[in-house]
Amino acid sequence: MSKTVKNIIMRDYKTRIASGLEEYPDATLISIRGVKGVDSTKLRMALAKKKVRITVVQNALARKAFEGSKLAPLGELMTGGNAIAYGGESVVEVARELVSWIAKIPALELKGAVLDGTLFKGKAGVEELSKFPTKDEAIAKVITLAVSPGRNLLGQLQGPGRTIGGLIKAIETKLEKGETIAKAG
């Protein structure tokens, strides 16, 4: 293969995987060798609904294209036939989807994933990554933690007021019924 063709292929990886961004996003490396065509199509269609794409890559060219990027650590896992799964809201979502598909397609092999330049090796690493919170889930947890003390303080401040309000309401109800109220002490 000529150098020109190799450069075109590497540029294609950049265009597809990075979607025109300066930096490659996080991704998961899988092997679809041995996966039947029908299963591969079902997997790709199901993932496409979640905006997750799969691109089969040539190992040497992918390693060269990913040099100096967050995806560079995947280079050490690139042996045999490989594909990159990327897209969706985050690599965590991609990992969750792929882990759920392992039961349906046993031939699908999870080789690893990269999140912010950190490599998660093998099936165990991808399963570990799938248990991480997504960006939206992490933001929701932080907001909950930030708002929680204020909510607790507000509850403490409202508690005595509610108690007094309840006592006044009970006295009002008794007076409306014509009952007498016990004298204090």
Protein backbone atom coordinates (compact mmCIF):
# COMPACT_ATOMS: atom_id res chain seq x y z
CA MET A 1 0.00 0.00 0.00
CA SER A 2 1.42 3.37 -0.96
CA LYS A 3 2.14 6.12 1.52
CA THR A 4 -0.58 8.27 -0.06
CA VAL A 5 -3.23 5.59 0.51
CA LYS A 6 -2.04 5.10 4.09
CA ASN A 7 -2.32 8.85 4.73
CA ILE A 8 -5.84 8.83 3.29
CA ILE A 9 -6.83 5.96 5.58
CA MET A 10 -5.35 7.68 8.65
CA ARG A 11 -7.13 10.92 7.71
CA ASP A 12 -10.34 8.89 7.38
CA TYR A 13 -9.88 7.54 10.93
CA LYS A 14 -9.43 11.09 12.18
CA THR A 15 -12.52 12.28 10.30
CA ARG A 16 -14.74 9.38 11.37
CA ILE A 17 -13.65 8.87 14.95
CA ALA A 18 -12.85 12.43 15.94
CA SER A 19 -15.79 13.83 13.91
CA GLY A 20 -13.75 16.84 12.91
CA LEU A 21 -12.62 17.62 16.48
CA GLU A 22 -9.00 18.44 17.21
CA GLU A 23 -8.66 15.48 19.57
CA TYR A 24 -9.93 11.93 19.36
CA PRO A 25 -12.71 11.20 21.85
CA ASP A 26 -12.62 8.32 24.29
CA ALA A 27 -13.33 4.91 22.75
CA THR A 28 -13.57 1.17 23.26
CA LEU A 29 -11.54 -1.39 21.35
CA ILE A 30 -13.39 -4.58 20.40
CA SER A 31 -12.78 -7.59 18.24
CA ILE A 32 -15.66 -8.67 16.04
CA ARG A 33 -13.72 -11.57 14.54
CA GLY A 34 -15.97 -14.62 14.56
CA VAL A 35 -19.15 -12.57 14.94
CA LYS A 36 -21.71 -13.63 12.34
CA GLY A 37 -22.83 -11.03 9.82
CA VAL A 38 -26.42 -11.00 11.09
CA ASP A 39 -25.26 -10.48 14.68
CA SER A 40 -22.84 -7.76 13.59
CA THR A 41 -25.64 -5.94 11.78
CA LYS A 42 -27.97 -6.23 14.79
CA LEU A 43 -25.21 -4.90 17.06
CA ARG A 44 -24.41 -1.99 14.76
CA MET A 45 -28.09 -1.06 14.33
CA ALA A 46 -28.79 -1.20 18.08
CA LEU A 47 -25.71 0.91 18.82
CA ALA A 48 -26.55 3.36 16.02
CA LYS A 49 -29.86 4.12 17.78
CA LYS A 50 -27.77 5.33 20.71
CA LYS A 51 -25.44 7.25 18.35
CA VAL A 52 -22.61 4.78 18.94
CA ARG A 53 -20.58 3.85 15.86
CA ILE A 54 -18.17 1.03 15.10
CA THR A 55 -15.25 1.44 12.71
CA VAL A 56 -13.02 -1.48 11.75
CA VAL A 57 -9.40 -0.31 11.82
CA GLN A 58 -6.09 -1.45 10.44
CA ASN A 59 -3.86 -1.85 13.49
CA ALA A 60 -0.63 -0.26 12.26
CA LEU A 61 -2.38 2.71 10.69
CA ALA A 62 -4.64 3.22 13.70
CA ARG A 63 -1.63 3.18 16.05
CA LYS A 64 0.08 5.79 13.88
CA ALA A 65 -3.09 7.91 13.61
CA PHE A 66 -3.66 7.81 17.38
CA GLU A 67 -0.06 8.75 18.33
CA GLY A 68 0.00 11.62 20.81
CA SER A 69 -3.75 11.43 21.44
CA LYS A 70 -5.89 10.04 24.26
CA LEU A 71 -6.38 6.86 22.20
CA ALA A 72 -2.64 6.10 21.99
CA PRO A 73 -2.78 3.58 24.89
CA LEU A 74 -5.08 1.37 22.79
CA GLY A 75 -2.10 0.68 20.51
CA GLU A 76 -0.71 -1.97 22.85
CA LEU A 77 -4.00 -3.92 22.66
CA MET A 78 -4.21 -3.88 18.85
CA THR A 79 -3.55 -7.42 17.71
CA GLY A 80 -5.72 -9.35 15.28
CA GLY A 81 -8.90 -7.89 13.79
CA ASN A 82 -10.08 -4.82 15.68
CA ALA A 83 -12.80 -2.24 15.63
CA ILE A 84 -13.23 1.00 17.56
CA ALA A 85 -16.60 1.68 19.21
CA TYR A 86 -17.11 5.37 19.93
CA GLY A 87 -19.74 8.07 20.14
CA GLY A 88 -22.87 8.22 22.26
CA GLU A 89 -22.89 10.47 25.28
CA SER A 90 -19.67 9.00 26.69
CA VAL A 91 -17.38 6.00 26.55
CA VAL A 92 -19.10 4.78 29.73
CA GLU A 93 -22.38 4.49 27.82
CA VAL A 94 -20.55 2.66 25.00
CA ALA A 95 -19.01 0.25 27.53
CA ARG A 96 -22.41 -0.40 29.14
CA GLU A 97 -23.97 -1.20 25.77
CA LEU A 98 -21.14 -3.52 24.73
CA VAL A 99 -21.15 -5.35 28.07
CA SER A 100 -24.89 -5.96 27.68
CA TRP A 101 -24.30 -7.36 24.16
CA ILE A 102 -21.70 -9.91 25.34
CA ALA A 103 -24.48 -12.23 26.57
CA LYS A 104 -26.19 -12.09 23.16
CA ILE A 105 -23.02 -12.36 21.06
CA PRO A 106 -20.39 -14.46 22.89
CA ALA A 107 -17.92 -14.09 19.99
CA LEU A 108 -17.71 -10.34 20.65
CA GLU A 109 -14.44 -9.64 22.47
CA LEU A 110 -13.89 -6.58 24.64
CA LYS A 111 -10.19 -5.73 24.36
CA GLY A 112 -10.09 -2.45 26.27
CA ALA A 113 -11.21 1.14 26.53
CA VAL A 114 -9.74 4.58 27.08
CA LEU A 115 -11.28 7.27 29.27
CA ASP A 116 -9.35 10.57 29.40
CA GLY A 117 -6.14 8.78 28.43
CA THR A 118 -6.54 6.06 31.09
CA LEU A 119 -6.46 2.53 29.66
CA PHE A 120 -8.91 -0.11 30.90
CA LYS A 121 -7.54 -3.47 29.71
CA GLY A 122 -9.57 -6.45 28.62
CA LYS A 123 -13.11 -7.49 29.40
CA ALA A 124 -12.64 -6.82 33.13
CA GLY A 125 -11.48 -3.27 32.43
CA VAL A 126 -14.41 -2.50 30.14
CA GLU A 127 -16.84 -3.98 32.69
CA GLU A 128 -15.24 -1.80 35.39
CA LEU A 129 -15.61 1.26 33.15
CA SER A 130 -19.27 0.42 32.49
CA LYS A 131 -19.95 0.83 36.22
CA PHE A 132 -18.62 4.41 36.25
CA PRO A 133 -21.20 7.21 36.24
CA THR A 134 -21.73 9.05 32.98
CA LYS A 135 -20.99 12.77 32.86
CA ASP A 136 -24.66 13.64 33.44
CA GLU A 137 -24.93 11.18 36.35
CA ALA A 138 -21.77 12.61 37.94
CA ILE A 139 -23.08 16.17 37.60
CA ALA A 140 -26.38 15.13 39.18
CA LYS A 141 -24.51 13.58 42.14
CA VAL A 142 -22.42 16.71 42.65
CA ILE A 143 -25.50 18.93 42.55
CA THR A 144 -27.29 16.67 45.03
CA LEU A 145 -24.30 16.80 47.38
CA ALA A 146 -24.09 20.58 47.06
CA VAL A 147 -27.82 21.16 47.64
CA SER A 148 -28.26 18.58 50.41
CA PRO A 149 -26.89 20.66 53.34
CA GLY A 150 -29.10 23.61 52.38
CA ARG A 151 -32.13 21.33 52.14
CA ASN A 152 -31.35 19.87 55.58
CA LEU A 153 -30.92 23.34 57.09
CA LEU A 154 -34.21 24.49 55.59
CA GLY A 155 -35.94 21.43 57.06
CA GLN A 156 -34.47 22.22 60.49
CA LEU A 157 -35.65 25.82 60.28
CA GLN A 158 -39.14 24.85 59.12
CA GLY A 159 -39.60 22.10 61.75
CA PRO A 160 -40.36 24.28 64.80
CA GLY A 161 -42.58 26.58 62.71
CA ARG A 162 -44.59 23.58 61.52
CA THR A 163 -44.97 22.35 65.09
CA ILE A 164 -46.27 25.72 66.29
CA GLY A 165 -48.54 25.96 63.24
CA GLY A 166 -49.96 22.51 64.04
CA LEU A 167 -50.63 23.46 67.66
CA ILE A 168 -52.39 26.67 66.60
CA LYS A 169 -54.52 24.72 64.12
CA ALA A 170 -55.46 22.19 66.82
CA ILE A 171 -56.47 25.00 69.22
CA GLU A 172 -58.46 26.69 66.46
CA THR A 173 -60.29 23.44 65.67
CA LYS A 174 -61.15 22.87 69.36
CA LEU A 175 -62.42 26.42 69.75
CA GLU A 176 -64.60 26.10 66.62
CA LYS A 177 -66.16 22.93 68.08
CA GLY A 178 -66.83 24.79 71.34
CA GLU A 179 -64.40 22.74 73.42
CA THR A 180 -62.46 24.33 76.22
CA ILE A 181 -58.74 24.56 76.17
CA ALA A 182 -56.80 23.53 79.23
CA LYS A 183 -55.19 26.36 81.14
CA ALA A 184 -51.44 26.40 81.48
CA GLY A 185 -50.00 25.81 84.78
